[in-house]
């Protein structure tokens, strides 16, 4: 029962691959990982991690393994994975080691953060455009939240108060007295 339960949990968990650190090849990929990458189990099993994980060069797992051995056992970092169709997926990777009497495996669970990265890039572009727009207007412009904290202002408003935009942002009028 315990083995069936564990298998059910792993198969229905977030995308996950197990890697043999000695061969640097994937020995297992759960259903979510196969679906995310568009691969079959047969295609993933035995695949070098460097064919799947962008920027992972053969031999680079030694450094990761050393870091995992020295840390508290879990590392979280951003990466990119290559899907079967050639597309790339930005991922947050959680890495840890799992060992039994026979071997140690590197377990990598991944979360697709492609949409988050795109949204952040778009927000950054919009912020840049908005900043350029309000700074091009000679009138005094400022905006606050409902608690009276300045969320931003244009350079004309900041100059009037003898401060920079950064010195005004995230403060109240009372903080600026």
N, C-alpha and C. Protein backbone atom coordinates (compact mmCIF):
# COMPACT_ATOMS: atom_id res chain seq x y z
N UNK A 1 0.81 -1.19 0.00
CA UNK A 1 0.00 0.00 0.00
C UNK A 1 0.86 1.26 0.00
N UNK A 2 1.91 1.26 0.82
CA UNK A 2 2.77 2.43 0.94
C UNK A 2 3.44 2.76 -0.39
N UNK A 3 3.91 1.74 -1.11
CA UNK A 3 4.57 1.96 -2.40
C UNK A 3 3.57 2.52 -3.40
N UNK A 4 2.36 1.97 -3.43
CA UNK A 4 1.34 2.49 -4.35
C UNK A 4 0.97 3.93 -4.03
N UNK A 5 0.87 4.24 -2.74
CA UNK A 5 0.56 5.60 -2.33
C UNK A 5 1.66 6.55 -2.78
N UNK A 6 2.91 6.18 -2.51
CA UNK A 6 4.05 7.02 -2.90
C UNK A 6 4.10 7.22 -4.41
N UNK A 7 3.87 6.16 -5.16
CA UNK A 7 3.87 6.27 -6.62
C UNK A 7 2.76 7.21 -7.10
N UNK A 8 1.59 7.10 -6.49
CA UNK A 8 0.47 7.97 -6.85
C UNK A 8 0.81 9.44 -6.59
N UNK A 9 1.41 9.71 -5.43
CA UNK A 9 1.78 11.08 -5.07
C UNK A 9 2.80 11.63 -6.06
N UNK A 10 3.84 10.88 -6.36
CA UNK A 10 4.90 11.34 -7.27
C UNK A 10 4.34 11.55 -8.68
N UNK A 11 3.54 10.62 -9.15
CA UNK A 11 3.00 10.73 -10.51
C UNK A 11 2.07 11.93 -10.66
N UNK A 12 1.44 12.35 -9.58
CA UNK A 12 0.48 13.45 -9.66
C UNK A 12 1.00 14.75 -9.05
N UNK A 13 2.29 14.80 -8.78
CA UNK A 13 2.91 16.01 -8.23
C UNK A 13 3.25 16.98 -9.35
N UNK A 14 3.82 18.10 -8.98
CA UNK A 14 4.30 19.09 -9.95
C UNK A 14 5.37 18.44 -10.83
N UNK A 15 5.68 19.04 -11.98
CA UNK A 15 6.70 18.47 -12.85
C UNK A 15 7.99 18.15 -12.07
N UNK A 16 8.47 16.94 -12.27
CA UNK A 16 9.62 16.45 -11.52
C UNK A 16 10.44 15.49 -12.37
N UNK A 17 11.75 15.65 -12.30
CA UNK A 17 12.66 14.68 -12.94
C UNK A 17 13.68 14.24 -11.90
N UNK A 18 14.11 13.00 -12.06
CA UNK A 18 15.17 12.45 -11.23
C UNK A 18 16.37 12.24 -12.13
N UNK A 19 17.53 12.66 -11.65
CA UNK A 19 18.75 12.59 -12.45
C UNK A 19 19.81 11.79 -11.70
N UNK A 20 20.47 10.89 -12.43
CA UNK A 20 21.60 10.15 -11.87
C UNK A 20 22.82 11.07 -11.97
N UNK A 21 23.36 11.54 -10.85
CA UNK A 21 24.46 12.48 -10.91
C UNK A 21 25.73 11.91 -11.54
N UNK A 22 25.88 10.60 -11.51
CA UNK A 22 27.08 9.98 -12.10
C UNK A 22 27.05 10.03 -13.62
N UNK A 23 25.89 9.75 -14.19
CA UNK A 23 25.77 9.74 -15.66
C UNK A 23 25.23 11.06 -16.20
N UNK A 24 24.65 11.88 -15.30
CA UNK A 24 24.00 13.15 -15.65
C UNK A 24 22.84 12.94 -16.62
N UNK A 25 22.21 11.78 -16.50
CA UNK A 25 21.05 11.46 -17.35
C UNK A 25 19.79 11.36 -16.51
N UNK A 26 18.68 11.69 -17.15
CA UNK A 26 17.38 11.60 -16.49
C UNK A 26 17.00 10.13 -16.39
N UNK A 27 16.66 9.70 -15.17
CA UNK A 27 16.25 8.31 -14.97
C UNK A 27 14.74 8.18 -14.79
N UNK A 28 14.09 9.32 -14.51
CA UNK A 28 12.64 9.28 -14.32
C UNK A 28 12.09 10.68 -14.53
N UNK A 29 10.91 10.75 -15.14
CA UNK A 29 10.17 12.01 -15.27
C UNK A 29 8.70 11.68 -15.01
N UNK A 30 8.06 12.44 -14.12
CA UNK A 30 6.65 12.16 -13.84
C UNK A 30 5.75 12.70 -14.95
N UNK A 31 4.46 12.39 -14.86
CA UNK A 31 3.51 12.78 -15.91
C UNK A 31 3.49 14.27 -16.18
N UNK A 32 3.52 15.07 -15.12
CA UNK A 32 3.46 16.53 -15.29
C UNK A 32 4.68 17.04 -16.05
N UNK A 33 5.82 16.45 -15.79
CA UNK A 33 7.04 16.85 -16.49
C UNK A 33 6.98 16.45 -17.97
N UNK A 34 6.47 15.27 -18.23
CA UNK A 34 6.32 14.81 -19.62
C UNK A 34 5.36 15.72 -20.37
N UNK A 35 4.25 16.07 -19.72
CA UNK A 35 3.26 16.94 -20.36
C UNK A 35 3.84 18.32 -20.62
N UNK A 36 4.54 18.88 -19.63
CA UNK A 36 5.12 20.21 -19.78
C UNK A 36 6.13 20.26 -20.93
N UNK A 37 6.92 19.23 -21.08
CA UNK A 37 7.95 19.22 -22.12
C UNK A 37 7.51 18.63 -23.45
N UNK A 38 6.39 17.92 -23.44
CA UNK A 38 5.91 17.30 -24.67
C UNK A 38 6.63 16.02 -25.04
N UNK A 39 7.35 15.45 -24.10
CA UNK A 39 8.11 14.23 -24.34
C UNK A 39 7.33 13.00 -23.88
N UNK A 40 7.73 11.84 -24.37
CA UNK A 40 7.23 10.57 -23.84
C UNK A 40 8.20 10.12 -22.76
N UNK A 41 7.76 9.17 -21.95
CA UNK A 41 8.63 8.63 -20.90
C UNK A 41 9.88 8.01 -21.50
N UNK A 42 9.71 7.34 -22.63
CA UNK A 42 10.86 6.70 -23.28
C UNK A 42 11.88 7.73 -23.78
N UNK A 43 11.38 8.88 -24.25
CA UNK A 43 12.29 9.93 -24.73
C UNK A 43 13.05 10.59 -23.59
N UNK A 44 12.38 10.76 -22.46
CA UNK A 44 13.02 11.43 -21.32
C UNK A 44 13.99 10.52 -20.58
N UNK A 45 13.61 9.26 -20.43
CA UNK A 45 14.46 8.35 -19.68
C UNK A 45 15.76 8.13 -20.45
N UNK A 46 16.87 8.43 -19.81
CA UNK A 46 18.17 8.28 -20.44
C UNK A 46 18.65 9.54 -21.15
N UNK A 47 17.80 10.57 -21.23
CA UNK A 47 18.20 11.83 -21.87
C UNK A 47 19.23 12.54 -20.99
N UNK A 48 20.32 13.02 -21.60
CA UNK A 48 21.26 13.82 -20.81
C UNK A 48 20.56 15.09 -20.32
N UNK A 49 20.78 15.44 -19.07
CA UNK A 49 20.15 16.64 -18.52
C UNK A 49 20.51 17.87 -19.35
N UNK A 50 21.70 17.89 -19.92
CA UNK A 50 22.14 19.04 -20.72
C UNK A 50 21.32 19.20 -22.01
N UNK A 51 20.63 18.15 -22.46
CA UNK A 51 19.75 18.26 -23.64
C UNK A 51 18.41 18.89 -23.27
N UNK A 52 18.08 18.86 -22.01
CA UNK A 52 16.78 19.32 -21.52
C UNK A 52 16.87 20.67 -20.82
N UNK A 53 17.88 20.82 -19.97
CA UNK A 53 18.04 22.03 -19.17
C UNK A 53 19.03 22.96 -19.87
N UNK A 54 18.56 24.11 -20.30
CA UNK A 54 19.38 25.08 -21.01
C UNK A 54 20.47 25.60 -20.07
N UNK A 55 21.69 25.64 -20.56
CA UNK A 55 22.80 26.18 -19.77
C UNK A 55 23.47 25.17 -18.87
N UNK A 56 22.94 23.97 -18.78
CA UNK A 56 23.58 22.93 -17.98
C UNK A 56 24.56 22.20 -18.89
N UNK A 57 25.82 22.35 -18.60
CA UNK A 57 26.86 21.72 -19.42
C UNK A 57 27.27 20.40 -18.78
N UNK A 58 27.69 19.45 -19.61
CA UNK A 58 28.19 18.19 -19.03
C UNK A 58 29.27 18.47 -18.00
N UNK A 59 29.16 17.83 -16.86
CA UNK A 59 30.12 18.02 -15.78
C UNK A 59 29.71 19.07 -14.76
N UNK A 60 28.72 19.90 -15.08
CA UNK A 60 28.35 20.99 -14.17
C UNK A 60 27.53 20.50 -12.96
N UNK A 61 27.05 19.27 -13.01
CA UNK A 61 26.29 18.77 -11.87
C UNK A 61 27.17 18.58 -10.63
N UNK A 62 28.46 18.40 -10.82
CA UNK A 62 29.35 18.23 -9.67
C UNK A 62 29.29 19.45 -8.76
N UNK A 63 29.27 20.63 -9.35
CA UNK A 63 29.18 21.86 -8.57
C UNK A 63 27.85 21.92 -7.83
N UNK A 64 26.75 21.60 -8.50
CA UNK A 64 25.44 21.59 -7.86
C UNK A 64 25.40 20.57 -6.72
N UNK A 65 25.95 19.40 -6.97
CA UNK A 65 25.96 18.35 -5.94
C UNK A 65 26.77 18.80 -4.72
N UNK A 66 27.91 19.43 -4.97
CA UNK A 66 28.73 19.94 -3.88
C UNK A 66 28.00 20.99 -3.06
N UNK A 67 27.31 21.88 -3.75
CA UNK A 67 26.55 22.92 -3.08
C UNK A 67 25.41 22.31 -2.27
N UNK A 68 24.73 21.33 -2.83
CA UNK A 68 23.64 20.66 -2.10
C UNK A 68 24.17 19.94 -0.86
N UNK A 69 25.33 19.31 -0.98
CA UNK A 69 25.90 18.61 0.17
C UNK A 69 26.29 19.57 1.29
N UNK A 70 26.70 20.79 0.94
CA UNK A 70 27.12 21.77 1.94
C UNK A 70 25.95 22.58 2.49
N UNK A 71 24.85 22.64 1.74
CA UNK A 71 23.70 23.46 2.16
C UNK A 71 22.79 22.65 3.07
N UNK A 72 21.62 23.19 3.29
CA UNK A 72 20.64 22.50 4.12
C UNK A 72 19.86 21.48 3.31
N UNK A 73 20.34 21.15 2.13
CA UNK A 73 19.74 20.09 1.36
C UNK A 73 18.79 20.49 0.26
N UNK A 74 18.41 21.77 0.17
CA UNK A 74 17.49 22.22 -0.87
C UNK A 74 18.02 23.51 -1.48
N UNK A 75 18.03 23.56 -2.80
CA UNK A 75 18.39 24.78 -3.52
C UNK A 75 17.24 25.17 -4.44
N UNK A 76 16.98 26.45 -4.53
CA UNK A 76 15.95 26.96 -5.44
C UNK A 76 16.62 27.97 -6.36
N UNK A 77 16.43 27.80 -7.65
CA UNK A 77 17.04 28.70 -8.63
C UNK A 77 16.19 28.72 -9.89
N UNK A 78 16.41 29.74 -10.72
CA UNK A 78 15.70 29.86 -12.00
C UNK A 78 16.51 29.18 -13.08
N UNK A 79 15.80 28.64 -14.07
CA UNK A 79 16.45 27.99 -15.20
C UNK A 79 15.53 28.03 -16.41
N UNK A 80 15.96 27.35 -17.45
CA UNK A 80 15.15 27.24 -18.67
C UNK A 80 15.21 25.80 -19.14
N UNK A 81 14.08 25.30 -19.60
CA UNK A 81 14.00 23.95 -20.14
C UNK A 81 13.60 24.00 -21.61
N UNK A 82 14.13 23.07 -22.36
CA UNK A 82 13.82 22.94 -23.79
C UNK A 82 12.73 21.89 -23.95
N UNK A 83 11.65 22.28 -24.60
CA UNK A 83 10.56 21.35 -24.88
C UNK A 83 10.85 20.60 -26.18
N UNK A 84 10.14 19.54 -26.38
CA UNK A 84 10.33 18.71 -27.58
C UNK A 84 10.11 19.52 -28.86
N UNK A 85 9.16 20.47 -28.83
CA UNK A 85 8.87 21.27 -30.02
C UNK A 85 9.87 22.39 -30.25
N UNK A 86 10.90 22.48 -29.37
CA UNK A 86 11.93 23.50 -29.51
C UNK A 86 11.68 24.76 -28.71
N UNK A 87 10.48 24.91 -28.16
CA UNK A 87 10.19 26.10 -27.36
C UNK A 87 10.92 26.02 -26.02
N UNK A 88 11.06 27.16 -25.39
CA UNK A 88 11.76 27.25 -24.11
C UNK A 88 10.76 27.61 -23.02
N UNK A 89 10.94 27.05 -21.85
CA UNK A 89 10.08 27.32 -20.70
C UNK A 89 10.97 27.85 -19.58
N UNK A 90 10.64 29.04 -19.07
CA UNK A 90 11.33 29.57 -17.89
C UNK A 90 10.78 28.83 -16.68
N UNK A 91 11.67 28.34 -15.83
CA UNK A 91 11.24 27.55 -14.68
C UNK A 91 11.96 27.97 -13.41
N UNK A 92 11.27 27.77 -12.30
CA UNK A 92 11.89 27.85 -10.99
C UNK A 92 12.15 26.40 -10.59
N UNK A 93 13.40 26.09 -10.30
CA UNK A 93 13.80 24.72 -9.99
C UNK A 93 14.07 24.58 -8.51
N UNK A 94 13.51 23.54 -7.91
CA UNK A 94 13.85 23.16 -6.54
C UNK A 94 14.62 21.85 -6.64
N UNK A 95 15.86 21.87 -6.15
CA UNK A 95 16.73 20.71 -6.26
C UNK A 95 17.07 20.16 -4.89
N UNK A 96 17.05 18.83 -4.78
CA UNK A 96 17.48 18.18 -3.54
C UNK A 96 17.96 16.78 -3.88
N UNK A 97 18.66 16.17 -2.94
CA UNK A 97 19.18 14.83 -3.12
C UNK A 97 18.30 13.82 -2.40
N UNK A 98 18.11 12.67 -3.01
CA UNK A 98 17.38 11.57 -2.38
C UNK A 98 18.25 10.34 -2.51
N UNK A 99 18.45 9.65 -1.42
CA UNK A 99 19.35 8.49 -1.43
C UNK A 99 18.69 7.29 -0.78
N UNK A 100 19.04 6.12 -1.29
CA UNK A 100 18.67 4.87 -0.62
C UNK A 100 19.97 4.08 -0.44
N UNK A 101 19.87 2.78 -0.19
CA UNK A 101 21.06 1.98 0.03
C UNK A 101 21.91 1.81 -1.23
N UNK A 102 21.30 1.98 -2.39
CA UNK A 102 21.99 1.69 -3.65
C UNK A 102 22.57 2.92 -4.34
N UNK A 103 21.87 4.05 -4.30
CA UNK A 103 22.34 5.21 -5.06
C UNK A 103 21.74 6.51 -4.53
N UNK A 104 22.33 7.59 -5.00
CA UNK A 104 21.83 8.93 -4.71
C UNK A 104 21.34 9.52 -6.01
N UNK A 105 20.16 10.12 -5.97
CA UNK A 105 19.60 10.79 -7.15
C UNK A 105 19.40 12.26 -6.87
N UNK A 106 19.52 13.05 -7.91
CA UNK A 106 19.22 14.47 -7.85
C UNK A 106 17.76 14.62 -8.27
N UNK A 107 16.93 15.16 -7.39
CA UNK A 107 15.50 15.35 -7.69
C UNK A 107 15.29 16.83 -8.00
N UNK A 108 14.69 17.08 -9.16
CA UNK A 108 14.43 18.45 -9.60
C UNK A 108 12.94 18.61 -9.82
N UNK A 109 12.31 19.48 -9.04
CA UNK A 109 10.92 19.82 -9.29
C UNK A 109 10.92 21.20 -9.93
N UNK A 110 10.01 21.40 -10.86
CA UNK A 110 10.02 22.66 -11.60
C UNK A 110 8.64 23.30 -11.63
N UNK A 111 8.66 24.61 -11.63
CA UNK A 111 7.44 25.41 -11.73
C UNK A 111 7.61 26.32 -12.94
N UNK A 112 6.67 26.27 -13.85
CA UNK A 112 6.73 27.12 -15.05
C UNK A 112 6.48 28.57 -14.63
N UNK A 113 7.48 29.41 -14.84
CA UNK A 113 7.35 30.84 -14.50
C UNK A 113 7.44 31.71 -15.74
N UNK A 114 7.22 31.12 -16.91
CA UNK A 114 7.28 31.86 -18.16
C UNK A 114 6.32 33.04 -18.15
N UNK A 115 5.08 32.81 -17.76
CA UNK A 115 4.07 33.88 -17.75
C UNK A 115 4.45 34.98 -16.76
N UNK A 116 5.00 34.61 -15.62
CA UNK A 116 5.41 35.58 -14.62
C UNK A 116 6.54 36.45 -15.17
N UNK A 117 7.52 35.82 -15.83
CA UNK A 117 8.64 36.58 -16.40
C UNK A 117 8.15 37.53 -17.49
N UNK A 118 7.24 37.06 -18.32
CA UNK A 118 6.69 37.93 -19.38
C UNK A 118 5.92 39.10 -18.78
N UNK A 119 5.12 38.82 -17.75
CA UNK A 119 4.33 39.88 -17.11
C UNK A 119 5.25 40.91 -16.45
N UNK A 120 6.32 40.45 -15.80
CA UNK A 120 7.26 41.37 -15.18
C UNK A 120 7.96 42.24 -16.22
N UNK A 121 8.33 41.64 -17.35
CA UNK A 121 8.98 42.40 -18.42
C UNK A 121 8.02 43.45 -18.98
N UNK A 122 6.76 43.05 -19.17
CA UNK A 122 5.77 43.98 -19.69
C UNK A 122 5.51 45.11 -18.69
N UNK A 123 5.41 44.79 -17.42
CA UNK A 123 5.20 45.81 -16.40
C UNK A 123 6.38 46.78 -16.36
N UNK A 124 7.57 46.26 -16.51
CA UNK A 124 8.76 47.11 -16.53
C UNK A 124 8.73 48.06 -17.71
N UNK A 125 8.33 47.55 -18.88
CA UNK A 125 8.21 48.41 -20.07
C UNK A 125 7.15 49.49 -19.84
N UNK A 126 6.01 49.11 -19.29
CA UNK A 126 4.94 50.06 -19.04
C UNK A 126 5.37 51.12 -18.03
N UNK A 127 6.09 50.72 -17.01
CA UNK A 127 6.59 51.67 -16.01
C UNK A 127 7.53 52.67 -16.66
N UNK A 128 8.39 52.19 -17.54
CA UNK A 128 9.31 53.08 -18.24
C UNK A 128 8.59 54.08 -19.13
N UNK A 129 7.58 53.61 -19.83
CA UNK A 129 6.79 54.50 -20.70
C UNK A 129 6.04 55.52 -19.85
N UNK A 130 5.42 55.07 -18.77
CA UNK A 130 4.66 55.97 -17.90
C UNK A 130 5.59 57.02 -17.29
N UNK A 131 6.76 56.62 -16.85
CA UNK A 131 7.71 57.56 -16.26
C UNK A 131 8.15 58.60 -17.28
N UNK A 132 8.46 58.18 -18.49
CA UNK A 132 8.86 59.12 -19.55
C UNK A 132 7.72 60.08 -19.87
N UNK A 133 6.52 59.56 -19.89
CA UNK A 133 5.35 60.40 -20.20
C UNK A 133 5.11 61.46 -19.14
N UNK A 134 5.08 61.08 -17.87
CA UNK A 134 4.78 62.08 -16.84
C UNK A 134 5.94 63.06 -16.66
N UNK A 135 7.16 62.64 -16.94
CA UNK A 135 8.29 63.55 -16.83
C UNK A 135 8.35 64.53 -18.00
N UNK A 136 7.70 64.21 -19.10
CA UNK A 136 7.65 65.12 -20.25
C UNK A 136 6.63 66.23 -20.05
N UNK A 137 5.76 66.07 -19.07
CA UNK A 137 4.72 67.06 -18.79
C UNK A 137 5.28 68.06 -17.78
N UNK A 138 5.24 69.36 -18.10
CA UNK A 138 5.81 70.35 -17.17
C UNK A 138 4.95 70.58 -15.92
N UNK A 139 3.68 70.20 -15.95
CA UNK A 139 2.81 70.37 -14.79
C UNK A 139 3.27 69.46 -13.65
N UNK A 140 2.89 69.82 -12.44
CA UNK A 140 3.23 69.01 -11.26
C UNK A 140 2.31 67.80 -11.21
N UNK A 141 2.91 66.62 -11.17
CA UNK A 141 2.13 65.38 -11.13
C UNK A 141 2.63 64.53 -9.98
N UNK A 142 1.69 64.06 -9.17
CA UNK A 142 2.01 63.08 -8.13
C UNK A 142 0.80 62.17 -7.97
N UNK A 143 1.03 61.00 -7.42
CA UNK A 143 -0.07 60.08 -7.14
C UNK A 143 0.24 59.33 -5.86
N UNK A 144 -0.84 59.13 -5.07
CA UNK A 144 -0.73 58.53 -3.74
C UNK A 144 -1.67 57.33 -3.63
N UNK A 145 -1.41 56.52 -2.63
CA UNK A 145 -2.35 55.44 -2.33
C UNK A 145 -3.40 55.97 -1.36
N UNK A 146 -4.31 55.12 -0.91
CA UNK A 146 -5.42 55.56 -0.05
C UNK A 146 -4.96 55.96 1.34
N UNK A 147 -3.73 55.63 1.74
CA UNK A 147 -3.19 56.03 3.04
C UNK A 147 -2.36 57.31 2.93
N UNK A 148 -2.33 57.91 1.74
CA UNK A 148 -1.59 59.15 1.57
C UNK A 148 -0.11 58.98 1.29
N UNK A 149 0.31 57.78 0.95
CA UNK A 149 1.72 57.51 0.64
C UNK A 149 1.94 57.77 -0.85
N UNK A 150 2.96 58.56 -1.15
CA UNK A 150 3.28 58.84 -2.55
C UNK A 150 3.72 57.56 -3.26
N UNK A 151 3.05 57.23 -4.33
CA UNK A 151 3.45 56.09 -5.16
C UNK A 151 4.40 56.54 -6.26
N UNK A 152 4.35 57.83 -6.56
CA UNK A 152 5.24 58.37 -7.58
C UNK A 152 4.92 59.82 -7.85
N UNK A 153 5.79 60.44 -8.64
CA UNK A 153 5.60 61.83 -9.04
C UNK A 153 6.49 62.09 -10.24
N UNK A 154 6.30 63.25 -10.86
CA UNK A 154 7.20 63.58 -11.95
C UNK A 154 8.36 64.43 -11.43
N UNK A 155 9.35 64.64 -12.28
CA UNK A 155 10.54 65.38 -11.87
C UNK A 155 10.23 66.82 -11.53
N UNK A 156 9.23 67.41 -12.18
CA UNK A 156 8.85 68.79 -11.88
C UNK A 156 8.35 68.90 -10.44
N UNK A 157 7.54 67.95 -10.00
CA UNK A 157 7.03 67.94 -8.62
C UNK A 157 8.19 67.75 -7.65
N UNK A 158 9.10 66.85 -7.96
CA UNK A 158 10.25 66.59 -7.08
C UNK A 158 11.14 67.83 -6.99
N UNK A 159 11.39 68.48 -8.12
CA UNK A 159 12.22 69.70 -8.11
C UNK A 159 11.61 70.78 -7.24
N UNK A 160 10.29 70.95 -7.33
CA UNK A 160 9.60 71.95 -6.52
C UNK A 160 9.87 71.73 -5.03
N UNK A 161 9.97 70.47 -4.63
CA UNK A 161 10.17 70.12 -3.22
C UNK A 161 11.65 69.91 -2.87
N UNK A 162 12.52 70.15 -3.84
CA UNK A 162 13.95 70.02 -3.57
C UNK A 162 14.40 68.60 -3.29
N UNK A 163 13.73 67.67 -3.88
CA UNK A 163 14.04 66.24 -3.66
C UNK A 163 14.07 65.51 -4.99
N UNK A 164 14.54 64.28 -4.94
CA UNK A 164 14.46 63.42 -6.13
C UNK A 164 13.16 62.65 -6.09
N UNK A 165 12.78 62.09 -7.21
CA UNK A 165 11.58 61.25 -7.27
C UNK A 165 11.70 60.11 -6.27
N UNK A 166 12.89 59.51 -6.19
CA UNK A 166 13.11 58.38 -5.27
C UNK A 166 12.95 58.79 -3.81
N UNK A 167 13.34 60.03 -3.48
CA UNK A 167 13.22 60.50 -2.10
C UNK A 167 11.76 60.76 -1.70
N UNK A 168 10.90 60.99 -2.66
CA UNK A 168 9.48 61.25 -2.39
C UNK A 168 8.67 59.96 -2.40
N UNK A 169 8.98 59.06 -3.32
CA UNK A 169 8.22 57.82 -3.47
C UNK A 169 8.28 56.99 -2.18
N UNK A 170 7.16 56.44 -1.80
CA UNK A 170 6.98 55.58 -0.62
C UNK A 170 7.00 56.36 0.70
N UNK A 171 6.77 57.66 0.62
CA UNK A 171 6.71 58.49 1.83
C UNK A 171 5.40 59.27 1.84
N UNK A 172 5.05 59.79 3.02
CA UNK A 172 3.87 60.64 3.13
C UNK A 172 4.34 62.09 3.15
N UNK A 173 3.40 63.00 3.03
CA UNK A 173 3.73 64.42 3.09
C UNK A 173 4.40 64.75 4.42
N UNK A 174 4.00 64.07 5.50
CA UNK A 174 4.58 64.30 6.82
C UNK A 174 6.03 63.83 6.89
N UNK A 175 6.35 62.77 6.16
CA UNK A 175 7.75 62.29 6.11
C UNK A 175 8.65 63.30 5.42
N UNK A 176 8.07 64.12 4.56
CA UNK A 176 8.87 65.06 3.77
C UNK A 176 9.02 66.42 4.42
N UNK A 177 8.37 66.64 5.56
CA UNK A 177 8.48 67.94 6.25
C UNK A 177 9.83 68.12 6.88
